C-alpha atoms as a PDB file:
ATOM      1  CA  UNK A   1     -13.293 -20.572  11.514  1.00  0.00           C
ATOM      2  CA  UNK A   2     -13.103 -21.869  15.445  1.00  0.00           C
ATOM      3  CA  UNK A   3     -15.145 -20.778  18.312  1.00  0.00           C
ATOM      4  CA  UNK A   4     -13.531 -19.037  20.425  1.00  0.00           C
ATOM      5  CA  UNK A   5     -14.215 -16.674  23.786  1.00  0.00           C
ATOM      6  CA  UNK A   6     -12.304 -13.596  21.944  1.00  0.00           C
ATOM      7  CA  UNK A   7     -13.591 -10.145  19.978  1.00  0.00           C
ATOM      8  CA  UNK A   8     -11.131 -10.549  17.931  1.00  0.00           C
ATOM      9  CA  UNK A   9     -10.006 -13.082  14.823  1.00  0.00           C
ATOM     10  CA  UNK A  10      -5.971 -14.869  15.183  1.00  0.00           C
ATOM     11  CA  UNK A  11      -3.942 -15.521  12.382  1.00  0.00           C
ATOM     12  CA  UNK A  12      -0.515 -17.885  12.546  1.00  0.00           C
ATOM     13  CA  UNK A  13       1.465 -15.705   9.240  1.00  0.00           C
ATOM     14  CA  UNK A  14       4.744 -16.940   7.180  1.00  0.00           C
ATOM     15  CA  UNK A  15       6.073 -14.769   5.235  1.00  0.00           C
ATOM     16  CA  UNK A  16       6.864 -15.862   2.259  1.00  0.00           C
ATOM     17  CA  UNK A  17      10.319 -14.958   0.399  1.00  0.00           C
ATOM     18  CA  UNK A  18       9.942 -12.802  -3.166  1.00  0.00           C
ATOM     19  CA  UNK A  19      11.491 -15.670  -5.739  1.00  0.00           C
ATOM     20  CA  UNK A  20      13.714 -13.683  -8.893  1.00  0.00           C
ATOM     21  CA  UNK A  21      13.731 -15.257 -11.739  1.00  0.00           C
ATOM     22  CA  UNK A  22      17.300 -14.865 -13.251  1.00  0.00           C
ATOM     23  CA  UNK A  23      17.244 -11.521 -15.445  1.00  0.00           C
ATOM     24  CA  UNK A  24      19.435  -9.049 -16.484  1.00  0.00           C
ATOM     25  CA  UNK A  25      19.582  -6.283 -13.772  1.00  0.00           C
ATOM     26  CA  UNK A  26      18.313  -3.771 -16.455  1.00  0.00           C
ATOM     27  CA  UNK A  27      14.683  -6.443 -16.965  1.00  0.00           C
ATOM     28  CA  UNK A  28      14.195  -4.869 -12.998  1.00  0.00           C
ATOM     29  CA  UNK A  29      14.781  -1.973 -14.036  1.00  0.00           C
ATOM     30  CA  UNK A  30      12.993  -1.661 -16.730  1.00  0.00           C
ATOM     31  CA  UNK A  31      10.153  -3.708 -14.568  1.00  0.00           C
ATOM     32  CA  UNK A  32      10.270  -0.890 -11.676  1.00  0.00           C
ATOM     33  CA  UNK A  33       9.872   1.947 -14.291  1.00  0.00           C
ATOM     34  CA  UNK A  34       6.844   0.406 -15.922  1.00  0.00           C
ATOM     35  CA  UNK A  35       5.228   0.124 -12.139  1.00  0.00           C
ATOM     36  CA  UNK A  36       5.844   3.628 -11.393  1.00  0.00           C
ATOM     37  CA  UNK A  37       5.189   4.845 -14.819  1.00  0.00           C
ATOM     38  CA  UNK A  38       1.860   2.864 -15.058  1.00  0.00           C
ATOM     39  CA  UNK A  39       0.732   3.949 -11.370  1.00  0.00           C
ATOM     40  CA  UNK A  40       1.541   7.619 -11.849  1.00  0.00           C
ATOM     41  CA  UNK A  41      -0.013   7.616 -15.120  1.00  0.00           C
ATOM     42  CA  UNK A  42      -3.103   6.020 -13.169  1.00  0.00           C
ATOM     43  CA  UNK A  43      -2.862   8.276  -9.862  1.00  0.00           C
ATOM     44  CA  UNK A  44      -1.685  11.385 -10.595  1.00  0.00           C
ATOM     45  CA  UNK A  45      -3.001  13.323  -8.083  1.00  0.00           C
ATOM     46  CA  UNK A  46      -0.198  11.471  -5.654  1.00  0.00           C
ATOM     47  CA  UNK A  47       2.337  13.452  -8.077  1.00  0.00           C
ATOM     48  CA  UNK A  48       2.882  15.517  -5.100  1.00  0.00           C
ATOM     49  CA  UNK A  49       3.164  13.280  -1.937  1.00  0.00           C
ATOM     50  CA  UNK A  50       5.664  13.451   0.024  1.00  0.00           C
ATOM     51  CA  UNK A  51       5.742   9.821   1.213  1.00  0.00           C
ATOM     52  CA  UNK A  52       5.404   8.125  -1.953  1.00  0.00           C
ATOM     53  CA  UNK A  53       8.462   9.654  -3.750  1.00  0.00           C
ATOM     54  CA  UNK A  54      10.264   9.052  -1.135  1.00  0.00           C
ATOM     55  CA  UNK A  55       9.005   5.691  -2.094  1.00  0.00           C
ATOM     56  CA  UNK A  56       9.819   5.284  -5.657  1.00  0.00           C
ATOM     57  CA  UNK A  57      12.959   7.290  -4.909  1.00  0.00           C
ATOM     58  CA  UNK A  58      14.587   4.631  -2.960  1.00  0.00           C
ATOM     59  CA  UNK A  59      15.476   1.735  -4.172  1.00  0.00           C
ATOM     60  CA  UNK A  60      13.622  -0.070  -2.876  1.00  0.00           C
ATOM     61  CA  UNK A  61      13.431  -4.453  -4.210  1.00  0.00           C
ATOM     62  CA  UNK A  62      10.798  -4.483  -6.601  1.00  0.00           C
ATOM     63  CA  UNK A  63       9.016  -7.195  -4.403  1.00  0.00           C
ATOM     64  CA  UNK A  64       8.409  -4.329  -1.735  1.00  0.00           C
ATOM     65  CA  UNK A  65       7.754  -2.289  -4.628  1.00  0.00           C
ATOM     66  CA  UNK A  66       5.093  -3.612  -5.951  1.00  0.00           C
ATOM     67  CA  UNK A  67       3.327  -4.968  -2.588  1.00  0.00           C
ATOM     68  CA  UNK A  68       3.158  -1.032  -1.876  1.00  0.00           C
ATOM     69  CA  UNK A  69       1.813   0.131  -4.763  1.00  0.00           C
ATOM     70  CA  UNK A  70      -0.984  -3.261  -4.213  1.00  0.00           C
ATOM     71  CA  UNK A  71      -1.562  -1.851  -1.182  1.00  0.00           C
ATOM     72  CA  UNK A  72      -2.437   1.149  -2.554  1.00  0.00           C
ATOM     73  CA  UNK A  73      -5.316  -0.194  -5.084  1.00  0.00           C
ATOM     74  CA  UNK A  74      -8.937  -0.755  -4.031  1.00  0.00           C
ATOM     75  CA  UNK A  75      -8.979  -4.574  -4.341  1.00  0.00           C
ATOM     76  CA  UNK A  76     -12.012  -7.725  -4.600  1.00  0.00           C
ATOM     77  CA  UNK A  77     -10.685  -9.968  -1.404  1.00  0.00           C
ATOM     78  CA  UNK A  78     -10.232 -12.476  -3.909  1.00  0.00           C
ATOM     79  CA  UNK A  79      -7.386 -10.101  -6.012  1.00  0.00           C
ATOM     80  CA  UNK A  80      -5.624  -9.048  -2.614  1.00  0.00           C
ATOM     81  CA  UNK A  81      -5.088 -13.567  -2.479  1.00  0.00           C
ATOM     82  CA  UNK A  82      -3.208 -13.472  -5.110  1.00  0.00           C
ATOM     83  CA  UNK A  83      -1.830 -10.133  -4.902  1.00  0.00           C
ATOM     84  CA  UNK A  84      -0.547 -11.686  -1.467  1.00  0.00           C
ATOM     85  CA  UNK A  85       0.334 -15.188  -2.976  1.00  0.00           C
ATOM     86  CA  UNK A  86       2.373 -14.955  -5.777  1.00  0.00           C
ATOM     87  CA  UNK A  87       6.003 -14.357  -5.001  1.00  0.00           C
ATOM     88  CA  UNK A  88       7.197 -14.726  -8.537  1.00  0.00           C
ATOM     89  CA  UNK A  89       8.552 -10.890  -8.879  1.00  0.00           C
ATOM     90  CA  UNK A  90       7.717 -10.476 -12.672  1.00  0.00           C
ATOM     91  CA  UNK A  91       4.609 -12.442 -12.579  1.00  0.00           C
ATOM     92  CA  UNK A  92       3.516 -10.232  -9.461  1.00  0.00           C
ATOM     93  CA  UNK A  93       4.361  -7.300 -11.984  1.00  0.00           C
ATOM     94  CA  UNK A  94       3.082  -7.443 -14.214  1.00  0.00           C
ATOM     95  CA  UNK A  95      -0.201  -9.018 -12.858  1.00  0.00           C
ATOM     96  CA  UNK A  96      -0.508  -5.476 -10.954  1.00  0.00           C
ATOM     97  CA  UNK A  97       0.701  -3.576 -14.181  1.00  0.00           C
ATOM     98  CA  UNK A  98      -2.289  -5.200 -15.234  1.00  0.00           C
ATOM     99  CA  UNK A  99      -3.927  -3.577 -13.148  1.00  0.00           C
ATOM    100  CA  UNK A 100      -2.649  -0.032 -12.701  1.00  0.00           C
ATOM    101  CA  UNK A 101      -4.430  -0.002 -17.147  1.00  0.00           C
ATOM    102  CA  UNK A 102      -6.568   2.713 -17.444  1.00  0.00           C
ATOM    103  CA  UNK A 103     -10.027   0.911 -17.241  1.00  0.00           C
ATOM    104  CA  UNK A 104     -12.378   1.173 -20.846  1.00  0.00           C
ATOM    105  CA  UNK A 105     -15.738   2.530 -21.286  1.00  0.00           C
ATOM    106  CA  UNK A 106     -16.536  -1.296 -22.080  1.00  0.00           C
ATOM    107  CA  UNK A 107     -15.177  -2.558 -18.721  1.00  0.00           C
ATOM    108  CA  UNK A 108     -16.515   0.310 -16.539  1.00  0.00           C
ATOM    109  CA  UNK A 109     -20.097  -0.446 -18.138  1.00  0.00           C
ATOM    110  CA  UNK A 110     -20.703   2.007 -21.127  1.00  0.00           C
ATOM    111  CA  UNK A 111     -24.072   1.721 -22.439  1.00  0.00           C
ATOM    112  CA  UNK A 112     -23.454   4.190 -25.414  1.00  0.00           C
ATOM    113  CA  UNK A 113     -25.964   6.305 -24.731  1.00  0.00           C
ATOM    114  CA  UNK A 114     -26.432   8.948 -25.214  1.00  0.00           C
ATOM    115  CA  UNK A 115     -25.137   7.776 -28.739  1.00  0.00           C
ATOM    116  CA  UNK A 116     -22.545  10.437 -30.050  1.00  0.00           C
ATOM    117  CA  UNK A 117     -23.526  12.813 -32.076  1.00  0.00           C
ATOM    118  CA  UNK A 118     -23.245  12.167 -35.760  1.00  0.00           C
ATOM    119  CA  UNK A 119     -21.646  15.244 -38.344  1.00  0.00           C
ATOM    120  CA  UNK A 120     -25.016  15.116 -40.224  1.00  0.00           C
END
């Protein structure tokens, strides 16, 4: 980081174009449907959000939809960088789908205590 007289940071950004591997159009629609379904399962409280409904209803490109849904997640700086650097839309979609999966008890740090009641 450079020392400057500014009290804020200045960055120069270069937008990266999304790369869509050659797939059938139905594949992209399937990816889109899976993303939307996973997002609704993870955040059911947002089903009534009009802005989100409009964004999903509008035919946004899959890359833009991935970016929109990524922006709603709480990500680590490393995860944010991963999402921003991935230009292959198919890989970015898979990456996002993994993060939208429900957390398991083991992933949440469930110690198994208190134990479940036995039928004895």
